[in-house]
N, C-alpha and C. Protein backbone atom coordinates (compact mmCIF):
# COMPACT_ATOMS: atom_id res chain seq x y z
N MET A 1 34.02 -24.57 -2.81
CA MET A 1 33.89 -23.21 -2.28
C MET A 1 33.02 -22.37 -3.20
N ASP A 2 33.26 -22.51 -4.50
CA ASP A 2 32.48 -21.76 -5.48
C ASP A 2 31.00 -22.09 -5.40
N VAL A 3 30.70 -23.39 -5.20
CA VAL A 3 29.31 -23.84 -5.13
C VAL A 3 28.66 -23.30 -3.86
N ALA A 4 29.39 -23.28 -2.76
CA ALA A 4 28.85 -22.79 -1.48
C ALA A 4 28.53 -21.30 -1.58
N LEU A 5 29.41 -20.52 -2.18
CA LEU A 5 29.15 -19.08 -2.35
C LEU A 5 27.94 -18.85 -3.26
N HIS A 6 27.86 -19.65 -4.30
CA HIS A 6 26.72 -19.53 -5.21
C HIS A 6 25.41 -19.84 -4.49
N ALA A 7 25.40 -20.87 -3.65
CA ALA A 7 24.20 -21.25 -2.89
C ALA A 7 23.82 -20.14 -1.89
N VAL A 8 24.82 -19.56 -1.24
CA VAL A 8 24.56 -18.47 -0.30
C VAL A 8 23.99 -17.26 -1.06
N GLY A 9 24.55 -16.95 -2.20
CA GLY A 9 24.05 -15.84 -3.02
C GLY A 9 22.61 -16.06 -3.46
N GLN A 10 22.31 -17.29 -3.88
CA GLN A 10 20.93 -17.60 -4.28
C GLN A 10 19.98 -17.48 -3.10
N ALA A 11 20.40 -17.98 -1.95
CA ALA A 11 19.55 -17.92 -0.75
C ALA A 11 19.29 -16.47 -0.36
N MET A 12 20.32 -15.64 -0.43
CA MET A 12 20.15 -14.23 -0.09
C MET A 12 19.24 -13.53 -1.11
N SER A 13 19.41 -13.84 -2.37
CA SER A 13 18.54 -13.26 -3.40
C SER A 13 17.10 -13.66 -3.17
N TRP A 14 16.89 -14.94 -2.84
CA TRP A 14 15.54 -15.41 -2.58
C TRP A 14 14.96 -14.71 -1.36
N ALA A 15 15.74 -14.56 -0.31
CA ALA A 15 15.26 -13.91 0.93
C ALA A 15 14.90 -12.45 0.67
N VAL A 16 15.74 -11.73 -0.07
CA VAL A 16 15.45 -10.32 -0.38
C VAL A 16 14.20 -10.22 -1.25
N GLY A 17 14.07 -11.10 -2.22
CA GLY A 17 12.89 -11.10 -3.08
C GLY A 17 11.62 -11.39 -2.31
N ALA A 18 11.67 -12.40 -1.44
CA ALA A 18 10.50 -12.76 -0.64
C ALA A 18 10.13 -11.62 0.32
N ALA A 19 11.13 -11.02 0.95
CA ALA A 19 10.87 -9.89 1.86
C ALA A 19 10.25 -8.72 1.11
N THR A 20 10.70 -8.47 -0.10
CA THR A 20 10.15 -7.39 -0.91
C THR A 20 8.69 -7.66 -1.26
N VAL A 21 8.39 -8.88 -1.66
CA VAL A 21 7.01 -9.24 -2.00
C VAL A 21 6.11 -9.11 -0.77
N TRP A 22 6.54 -9.61 0.38
CA TRP A 22 5.73 -9.52 1.60
C TRP A 22 5.55 -8.07 2.04
N ALA A 23 6.59 -7.26 1.92
CA ALA A 23 6.47 -5.84 2.27
C ALA A 23 5.48 -5.13 1.34
N LEU A 24 5.53 -5.47 0.06
CA LEU A 24 4.60 -4.88 -0.89
C LEU A 24 3.16 -5.30 -0.59
N LEU A 25 2.95 -6.59 -0.31
CA LEU A 25 1.61 -7.08 0.04
C LEU A 25 1.10 -6.43 1.32
N PHE A 26 1.96 -6.27 2.31
CA PHE A 26 1.60 -5.61 3.56
C PHE A 26 1.18 -4.17 3.29
N TRP A 27 1.97 -3.45 2.50
CA TRP A 27 1.66 -2.06 2.17
C TRP A 27 0.34 -1.95 1.41
N LEU A 28 0.11 -2.83 0.45
CA LEU A 28 -1.14 -2.80 -0.32
C LEU A 28 -2.34 -3.07 0.58
N ALA A 29 -2.25 -4.07 1.45
CA ALA A 29 -3.35 -4.39 2.35
C ALA A 29 -3.63 -3.24 3.31
N LYS A 30 -2.58 -2.66 3.85
CA LYS A 30 -2.73 -1.56 4.80
C LYS A 30 -3.33 -0.32 4.14
N SER A 31 -2.87 0.01 2.93
CA SER A 31 -3.41 1.18 2.25
C SER A 31 -4.84 0.94 1.78
N ASN A 32 -5.18 -0.28 1.39
CA ASN A 32 -6.54 -0.60 0.99
C ASN A 32 -7.51 -0.46 2.15
N ALA A 33 -7.07 -0.72 3.34
CA ALA A 33 -7.93 -0.67 4.52
C ALA A 33 -8.14 0.74 5.05
N GLY A 34 -7.56 1.74 4.43
CA GLY A 34 -7.61 3.10 4.95
C GLY A 34 -9.00 3.65 5.20
N MET A 35 -9.85 3.63 4.19
CA MET A 35 -11.20 4.17 4.34
C MET A 35 -12.04 3.27 5.26
N TRP A 36 -11.85 1.96 5.17
CA TRP A 36 -12.57 1.02 6.04
C TRP A 36 -12.21 1.32 7.50
N SER A 37 -10.94 1.57 7.77
CA SER A 37 -10.49 1.86 9.14
C SER A 37 -11.09 3.16 9.65
N GLN A 38 -11.31 4.10 8.77
CA GLN A 38 -11.93 5.37 9.15
C GLN A 38 -13.35 5.13 9.67
N VAL A 39 -14.09 4.25 9.01
CA VAL A 39 -15.44 3.90 9.47
C VAL A 39 -15.33 3.04 10.74
N ALA A 40 -14.38 2.13 10.77
CA ALA A 40 -14.22 1.23 11.93
C ALA A 40 -13.87 1.99 13.20
N ALA A 41 -13.27 3.16 13.08
CA ALA A 41 -12.94 3.95 14.26
C ALA A 41 -14.20 4.30 15.06
N ARG A 42 -15.34 4.41 14.39
CA ARG A 42 -16.61 4.74 15.05
C ARG A 42 -17.58 3.56 15.11
N TYR A 43 -17.50 2.68 14.13
CA TYR A 43 -18.54 1.65 14.00
C TYR A 43 -18.00 0.23 13.90
N SER A 44 -16.90 -0.08 14.55
CA SER A 44 -16.44 -1.47 14.54
C SER A 44 -17.26 -2.26 15.56
N GLY A 45 -17.44 -3.52 15.28
CA GLY A 45 -18.18 -4.37 16.20
C GLY A 45 -19.11 -5.32 15.49
N VAL A 46 -19.90 -6.04 16.27
CA VAL A 46 -20.85 -7.01 15.73
C VAL A 46 -22.19 -6.78 16.41
N SER A 47 -23.24 -7.28 15.79
CA SER A 47 -24.58 -7.16 16.34
C SER A 47 -24.83 -8.27 17.35
N ARG A 48 -25.64 -7.95 18.35
CA ARG A 48 -26.07 -8.98 19.30
C ARG A 48 -27.44 -9.53 18.92
N GLU A 49 -28.04 -8.93 17.91
CA GLU A 49 -29.36 -9.35 17.45
C GLU A 49 -29.24 -10.45 16.40
N ALA A 50 -30.34 -11.10 16.12
CA ALA A 50 -30.36 -12.21 15.15
C ALA A 50 -30.08 -11.70 13.73
N ARG A 51 -29.37 -12.53 12.97
CA ARG A 51 -29.11 -12.20 11.57
C ARG A 51 -30.34 -12.59 10.75
N VAL A 52 -30.79 -11.65 9.93
CA VAL A 52 -31.98 -11.86 9.11
C VAL A 52 -31.59 -12.39 7.73
N GLY A 53 -30.52 -11.85 7.16
CA GLY A 53 -30.08 -12.26 5.83
C GLY A 53 -28.61 -11.98 5.63
N ARG A 54 -28.04 -12.66 4.63
CA ARG A 54 -26.60 -12.51 4.35
C ARG A 54 -26.39 -12.55 2.85
N LYS A 55 -25.54 -11.66 2.36
CA LYS A 55 -25.26 -11.55 0.93
C LYS A 55 -23.74 -11.55 0.73
N VAL A 56 -23.25 -12.48 -0.10
CA VAL A 56 -21.82 -12.65 -0.33
C VAL A 56 -21.58 -12.85 -1.81
N PRO A 57 -20.52 -12.39 -2.40
CA PRO A 57 -19.81 -11.16 -2.03
C PRO A 57 -20.55 -9.96 -2.57
N GLU A 58 -20.32 -8.86 -2.00
CA GLU A 58 -20.98 -7.62 -2.40
C GLU A 58 -19.92 -6.54 -2.56
N THR A 59 -20.16 -5.63 -3.47
CA THR A 59 -19.25 -4.50 -3.68
C THR A 59 -19.83 -3.27 -3.01
N ILE A 60 -19.04 -2.66 -2.14
CA ILE A 60 -19.41 -1.38 -1.54
C ILE A 60 -18.27 -0.41 -1.80
N VAL A 61 -18.57 0.86 -1.69
CA VAL A 61 -17.56 1.90 -1.81
C VAL A 61 -17.65 2.78 -0.57
N ILE A 62 -16.52 3.08 0.01
CA ILE A 62 -16.48 4.04 1.11
C ILE A 62 -15.74 5.25 0.56
N ALA A 63 -16.41 6.41 0.61
CA ALA A 63 -15.85 7.61 -0.02
C ALA A 63 -16.07 8.83 0.86
N GLU A 64 -15.15 9.78 0.74
CA GLU A 64 -15.36 11.07 1.37
C GLU A 64 -16.42 11.82 0.57
N ARG A 65 -17.32 12.46 1.27
CA ARG A 65 -18.38 13.22 0.63
C ARG A 65 -17.84 14.57 0.18
N GLY A 66 -18.36 15.04 -0.93
CA GLY A 66 -17.97 16.35 -1.43
C GLY A 66 -17.51 16.28 -2.86
N PRO A 67 -17.42 17.43 -3.50
CA PRO A 67 -17.02 17.45 -4.91
C PRO A 67 -15.54 17.13 -5.08
N ALA A 68 -15.23 16.47 -6.18
CA ALA A 68 -13.84 16.19 -6.51
C ALA A 68 -13.20 17.46 -7.06
N ASP A 69 -11.94 17.64 -6.80
CA ASP A 69 -11.19 18.75 -7.37
C ASP A 69 -11.04 18.48 -8.86
N ARG A 70 -11.59 19.33 -9.69
CA ARG A 70 -11.59 19.08 -11.13
C ARG A 70 -10.19 19.10 -11.75
N THR A 71 -9.25 19.76 -11.10
CA THR A 71 -7.91 19.79 -11.67
C THR A 71 -7.09 18.57 -11.30
N TRP A 72 -7.48 17.91 -10.24
CA TRP A 72 -6.72 16.73 -9.80
C TRP A 72 -7.69 15.76 -9.14
N VAL A 73 -8.32 14.92 -9.95
CA VAL A 73 -9.39 14.04 -9.50
C VAL A 73 -8.91 13.06 -8.43
N ALA A 74 -7.64 12.73 -8.43
CA ALA A 74 -7.11 11.75 -7.47
C ALA A 74 -7.22 12.23 -6.03
N ARG A 75 -7.52 13.49 -5.82
CA ARG A 75 -7.66 13.98 -4.44
C ARG A 75 -8.93 13.48 -3.77
N LEU A 76 -9.89 13.01 -4.55
CA LEU A 76 -11.10 12.43 -3.98
C LEU A 76 -10.71 11.10 -3.34
N ARG A 77 -10.95 10.97 -2.05
CA ARG A 77 -10.56 9.74 -1.34
C ARG A 77 -11.69 8.74 -1.34
N TYR A 78 -11.41 7.56 -1.83
CA TYR A 78 -12.39 6.48 -1.81
C TYR A 78 -11.66 5.15 -1.92
N ARG A 79 -12.38 4.11 -1.53
CA ARG A 79 -11.90 2.74 -1.74
C ARG A 79 -13.11 1.88 -2.08
N GLN A 80 -12.89 0.97 -3.00
CA GLN A 80 -13.93 0.02 -3.39
C GLN A 80 -13.58 -1.32 -2.77
N TYR A 81 -14.56 -1.93 -2.12
CA TYR A 81 -14.37 -3.21 -1.45
C TYR A 81 -15.30 -4.23 -2.11
N ALA A 82 -14.72 -5.03 -3.01
CA ALA A 82 -15.52 -5.97 -3.80
C ALA A 82 -15.75 -7.30 -3.12
N THR A 83 -15.16 -7.53 -1.98
CA THR A 83 -15.28 -8.82 -1.30
C THR A 83 -15.95 -8.66 0.06
N THR A 84 -17.02 -7.88 0.10
CA THR A 84 -17.71 -7.59 1.35
C THR A 84 -18.84 -8.58 1.60
N ILE A 85 -18.90 -9.07 2.81
CA ILE A 85 -20.04 -9.87 3.26
C ILE A 85 -20.98 -8.91 3.96
N LEU A 86 -22.20 -8.81 3.46
CA LEU A 86 -23.20 -7.90 4.01
C LEU A 86 -24.25 -8.72 4.74
N SER A 87 -24.45 -8.45 6.01
CA SER A 87 -25.45 -9.16 6.81
C SER A 87 -26.44 -8.16 7.37
N VAL A 88 -27.72 -8.48 7.24
CA VAL A 88 -28.77 -7.64 7.82
C VAL A 88 -29.20 -8.28 9.13
N HIS A 89 -29.22 -7.46 10.18
CA HIS A 89 -29.66 -7.90 11.51
C HIS A 89 -30.91 -7.11 11.87
N ASP A 90 -31.54 -7.47 12.97
CA ASP A 90 -32.73 -6.75 13.41
C ASP A 90 -32.44 -5.29 13.75
N ASP A 91 -31.20 -4.98 14.14
CA ASP A 91 -30.87 -3.63 14.58
C ASP A 91 -29.88 -2.90 13.68
N GLY A 92 -29.43 -3.50 12.58
CA GLY A 92 -28.49 -2.81 11.71
C GLY A 92 -27.89 -3.71 10.65
N ILE A 93 -26.86 -3.20 10.02
CA ILE A 93 -26.16 -3.91 8.95
C ILE A 93 -24.73 -4.18 9.38
N ALA A 94 -24.28 -5.41 9.19
CA ALA A 94 -22.90 -5.78 9.49
C ALA A 94 -22.14 -5.95 8.18
N LEU A 95 -20.91 -5.45 8.14
CA LEU A 95 -20.05 -5.57 6.97
C LEU A 95 -18.73 -6.19 7.39
N THR A 96 -18.32 -7.24 6.70
CA THR A 96 -17.02 -7.85 6.92
C THR A 96 -16.41 -8.16 5.57
N GLN A 97 -15.11 -8.37 5.55
CA GLN A 97 -14.39 -8.70 4.33
C GLN A 97 -14.08 -10.19 4.30
N ILE A 98 -14.13 -10.76 3.10
CA ILE A 98 -13.76 -12.16 2.92
C ILE A 98 -12.26 -12.28 3.12
N PRO A 99 -11.79 -13.21 3.98
CA PRO A 99 -10.35 -13.40 4.12
C PRO A 99 -9.74 -13.91 2.82
N PRO A 100 -8.56 -13.58 2.46
CA PRO A 100 -7.59 -12.72 3.14
C PRO A 100 -7.71 -11.25 2.75
N PHE A 101 -8.74 -10.90 1.96
CA PHE A 101 -8.87 -9.53 1.48
C PHE A 101 -9.15 -8.55 2.60
N GLY A 102 -9.62 -9.05 3.72
CA GLY A 102 -9.97 -8.18 4.83
C GLY A 102 -8.85 -7.95 5.82
N ALA A 103 -7.62 -8.17 5.41
CA ALA A 103 -6.51 -7.90 6.32
C ALA A 103 -6.58 -6.43 6.74
N PHE A 104 -6.51 -6.18 8.02
CA PHE A 104 -6.57 -4.84 8.61
C PHE A 104 -7.97 -4.22 8.54
N CYS A 105 -9.00 -4.98 8.19
CA CYS A 105 -10.38 -4.49 8.12
C CYS A 105 -11.20 -5.15 9.21
N ARG A 106 -11.41 -4.46 10.31
CA ARG A 106 -12.23 -5.00 11.40
C ARG A 106 -13.69 -5.06 10.97
N PRO A 107 -14.48 -5.98 11.52
CA PRO A 107 -15.90 -6.02 11.19
C PRO A 107 -16.59 -4.71 11.56
N LEU A 108 -17.52 -4.29 10.71
CA LEU A 108 -18.28 -3.06 10.94
C LEU A 108 -19.71 -3.41 11.30
N PHE A 109 -20.31 -2.62 12.17
CA PHE A 109 -21.74 -2.73 12.43
C PHE A 109 -22.34 -1.33 12.36
N LEU A 110 -23.30 -1.17 11.45
CA LEU A 110 -23.95 0.12 11.22
C LEU A 110 -25.38 0.05 11.76
N PRO A 111 -25.65 0.64 12.93
CA PRO A 111 -26.99 0.57 13.50
C PRO A 111 -27.99 1.42 12.71
N PHE A 112 -29.19 0.88 12.53
CA PHE A 112 -30.23 1.59 11.79
C PHE A 112 -30.56 2.94 12.41
N VAL A 113 -30.52 3.05 13.74
CA VAL A 113 -30.93 4.29 14.41
C VAL A 113 -29.99 5.45 14.12
N GLU A 114 -28.77 5.18 13.67
CA GLU A 114 -27.81 6.25 13.35
C GLU A 114 -27.62 6.43 11.86
N MET A 115 -28.50 5.86 11.06
CA MET A 115 -28.30 5.77 9.62
C MET A 115 -29.33 6.59 8.85
N GLU A 116 -28.87 7.19 7.74
CA GLU A 116 -29.75 7.84 6.77
C GLU A 116 -29.38 7.32 5.40
N LEU A 117 -30.34 7.29 4.48
CA LEU A 117 -30.09 6.93 3.09
C LEU A 117 -30.24 8.18 2.24
N ALA A 118 -29.36 8.34 1.28
CA ALA A 118 -29.44 9.49 0.38
C ALA A 118 -29.03 9.06 -1.02
N PRO A 119 -29.73 9.55 -2.04
CA PRO A 119 -29.31 9.25 -3.41
C PRO A 119 -27.96 9.92 -3.67
N THR A 120 -27.16 9.29 -4.49
CA THR A 120 -25.84 9.83 -4.79
C THR A 120 -25.46 9.43 -6.21
N ASP A 121 -24.31 9.87 -6.65
CA ASP A 121 -23.75 9.46 -7.93
C ASP A 121 -22.47 8.71 -7.65
N TRP A 122 -22.26 7.63 -8.40
CA TRP A 122 -20.99 6.93 -8.28
C TRP A 122 -20.67 6.24 -9.58
N MET A 123 -19.58 6.67 -10.19
CA MET A 123 -19.08 6.08 -11.43
C MET A 123 -20.23 5.82 -12.40
N LEU A 124 -20.34 4.61 -12.91
CA LEU A 124 -21.40 4.27 -13.85
C LEU A 124 -22.49 3.41 -13.21
N TRP A 125 -22.53 3.36 -11.88
CA TRP A 125 -23.54 2.59 -11.19
C TRP A 125 -24.91 3.22 -11.43
N ARG A 126 -25.91 2.39 -11.62
CA ARG A 126 -27.28 2.89 -11.79
C ARG A 126 -27.92 3.08 -10.43
N GLU A 127 -28.37 4.28 -10.17
CA GLU A 127 -29.12 4.64 -8.97
C GLU A 127 -28.46 4.18 -7.66
N PRO A 128 -27.20 4.53 -7.42
CA PRO A 128 -26.59 4.14 -6.14
C PRO A 128 -27.18 4.95 -4.99
N MET A 129 -27.09 4.39 -3.81
CA MET A 129 -27.54 5.07 -2.60
C MET A 129 -26.37 5.14 -1.62
N ALA A 130 -26.35 6.21 -0.84
CA ALA A 130 -25.30 6.38 0.16
C ALA A 130 -25.89 6.19 1.54
N ILE A 131 -25.25 5.34 2.32
CA ILE A 131 -25.57 5.24 3.74
C ILE A 131 -24.73 6.31 4.42
N ARG A 132 -25.40 7.16 5.18
CA ARG A 132 -24.71 8.22 5.91
C ARG A 132 -24.96 8.01 7.40
N MET A 133 -23.87 7.87 8.12
CA MET A 133 -23.95 7.62 9.55
C MET A 133 -23.77 8.94 10.30
N HIS A 134 -24.50 9.10 11.41
CA HIS A 134 -24.46 10.34 12.17
C HIS A 134 -23.06 10.68 12.67
N GLU A 135 -22.29 9.67 13.04
CA GLU A 135 -20.95 9.90 13.58
C GLU A 135 -19.88 10.10 12.50
N LEU A 136 -20.25 9.97 11.23
CA LEU A 136 -19.30 10.15 10.12
C LEU A 136 -19.88 11.17 9.13
N PRO A 137 -19.84 12.45 9.47
CA PRO A 137 -20.52 13.45 8.65
C PRO A 137 -19.92 13.67 7.26
N THR A 138 -18.70 13.23 7.02
CA THR A 138 -18.07 13.48 5.72
C THR A 138 -17.85 12.21 4.91
N THR A 139 -18.42 11.09 5.36
CA THR A 139 -18.17 9.81 4.71
C THR A 139 -19.47 9.17 4.22
N ASP A 140 -19.44 8.64 3.01
CA ASP A 140 -20.56 7.89 2.45
C ASP A 140 -20.15 6.43 2.29
N ILE A 141 -21.07 5.54 2.59
CA ILE A 141 -20.92 4.12 2.29
C ILE A 141 -21.90 3.86 1.16
N ILE A 142 -21.38 3.63 -0.03
CA ILE A 142 -22.20 3.61 -1.23
C ILE A 142 -22.52 2.17 -1.63
N LEU A 143 -23.81 1.93 -1.85
CA LEU A 143 -24.30 0.62 -2.25
C LEU A 143 -25.07 0.75 -3.56
N GLY A 144 -25.04 -0.30 -4.35
CA GLY A 144 -25.77 -0.33 -5.61
C GLY A 144 -27.26 -0.51 -5.41
N ARG A 145 -28.02 -0.21 -6.44
CA ARG A 145 -29.48 -0.30 -6.41
C ARG A 145 -29.95 -1.70 -6.03
N ASP A 146 -29.35 -2.73 -6.61
CA ASP A 146 -29.77 -4.10 -6.32
C ASP A 146 -29.52 -4.47 -4.86
N THR A 147 -28.45 -3.98 -4.29
CA THR A 147 -28.15 -4.25 -2.89
C THR A 147 -29.16 -3.58 -1.98
N ILE A 148 -29.53 -2.35 -2.29
CA ILE A 148 -30.55 -1.64 -1.50
C ILE A 148 -31.88 -2.40 -1.58
N ARG A 149 -32.23 -2.86 -2.76
CA ARG A 149 -33.46 -3.64 -2.91
C ARG A 149 -33.40 -4.92 -2.08
N TRP A 150 -32.24 -5.58 -2.08
CA TRP A 150 -32.09 -6.80 -1.30
C TRP A 150 -32.25 -6.50 0.19
N ILE A 151 -31.63 -5.42 0.68
CA ILE A 151 -31.76 -5.05 2.10
C ILE A 151 -33.22 -4.78 2.43
N ARG A 152 -33.92 -4.07 1.55
CA ARG A 152 -35.34 -3.78 1.78
C ARG A 152 -36.18 -5.06 1.80
N SER A 153 -35.75 -6.09 1.09
CA SER A 153 -36.49 -7.35 1.13
C SER A 153 -36.24 -8.10 2.44
N GLN A 154 -35.20 -7.73 3.17
CA GLN A 154 -34.85 -8.40 4.42
C GLN A 154 -35.40 -7.69 5.65
N THR A 155 -35.61 -6.37 5.55
CA THR A 155 -36.05 -5.60 6.71
C THR A 155 -36.93 -4.44 6.27
N ASP A 156 -37.81 -4.03 7.16
CA ASP A 156 -38.62 -2.85 6.89
C ASP A 156 -38.36 -1.75 7.92
N VAL A 157 -37.23 -1.85 8.60
CA VAL A 157 -36.83 -0.86 9.59
C VAL A 157 -36.33 0.39 8.87
N PHE A 158 -36.66 1.57 9.42
CA PHE A 158 -36.18 2.82 8.86
C PHE A 158 -34.65 2.82 8.90
N PRO A 159 -33.97 3.24 7.89
CA PRO A 159 -34.36 3.99 6.72
C PRO A 159 -34.72 3.13 5.49
N PHE A 160 -34.73 1.82 5.64
CA PHE A 160 -35.01 0.95 4.51
C PHE A 160 -36.49 0.66 4.33
N GLY A 161 -37.26 0.80 5.40
CA GLY A 161 -38.69 0.59 5.32
C GLY A 161 -39.45 1.90 5.31
N LEU A 162 -40.73 1.80 5.39
CA LEU A 162 -41.56 3.01 5.34
C LEU A 162 -41.75 3.62 6.72
N ASP A 163 -41.50 2.88 7.75
CA ASP A 163 -41.56 3.28 9.17
C ASP A 163 -42.36 4.52 9.41
């Protein structure tokens, strides 16, 4: 009887521990996808055009535009996505996350015709650029200098080319 109760107690402890770990992982994945989901609300999808180039993995940042509150810097909303697959197509840029890091992150497609490039500042990155989409007036998709150069080597469509 003692052994049976001990086994039941261990099984219950294991079940509670496993449920806690899975709940924590679910919460982390869901909260990490927050800024990505904000962009996906307007720009989820895939291109129907041919893929010109693909870069894996790439780090992008999705951030709200505007100054940070100097008294409480944490109010600036942003997320860094270090496991992004960046694909250049004839009509735009596709962004997806490497599984399993992309849980809750639908594929994004950013059409060139709705895109602007603007210089920005981000942490200690050298010469980052912000992709600004017409349908997302308060959000920047920030890419590093080397990534912008790589995109320009794949396409000459505006805003990456001289058009």
